[in-house]
């Protein structure tokens, strides 16, 4: 049950980050909104894996942890944003056209 809840948190973060880049910033992501969700999901999981331990110390010092279930939200957001930013750099930061 815990793994399912953690997966839903990662998916919700990835969808929110993809929405930010695709609809709000109007970047033309490879694969559109769903492609952005997939890239942000992979980036969120990698970011949570890579940045979890360094950020855990800082977060524990600031407050008694800032996570939802077993997901380090800040690390996941950093990973997702950096992966979507890298995707827009690969795509030459093209803006979406209104048809």
Foldseek 3Di string as FASTA:
>chain_A
DLVVVVLVVLLVLQLVLLCCVCPVVQFDFVVGSVNSSVQLSVQLVVQCVVCVVVVVVVQVVVDPADDDRPTRVVSSNVRSNVSVVVRCVVVVRDGDDDD
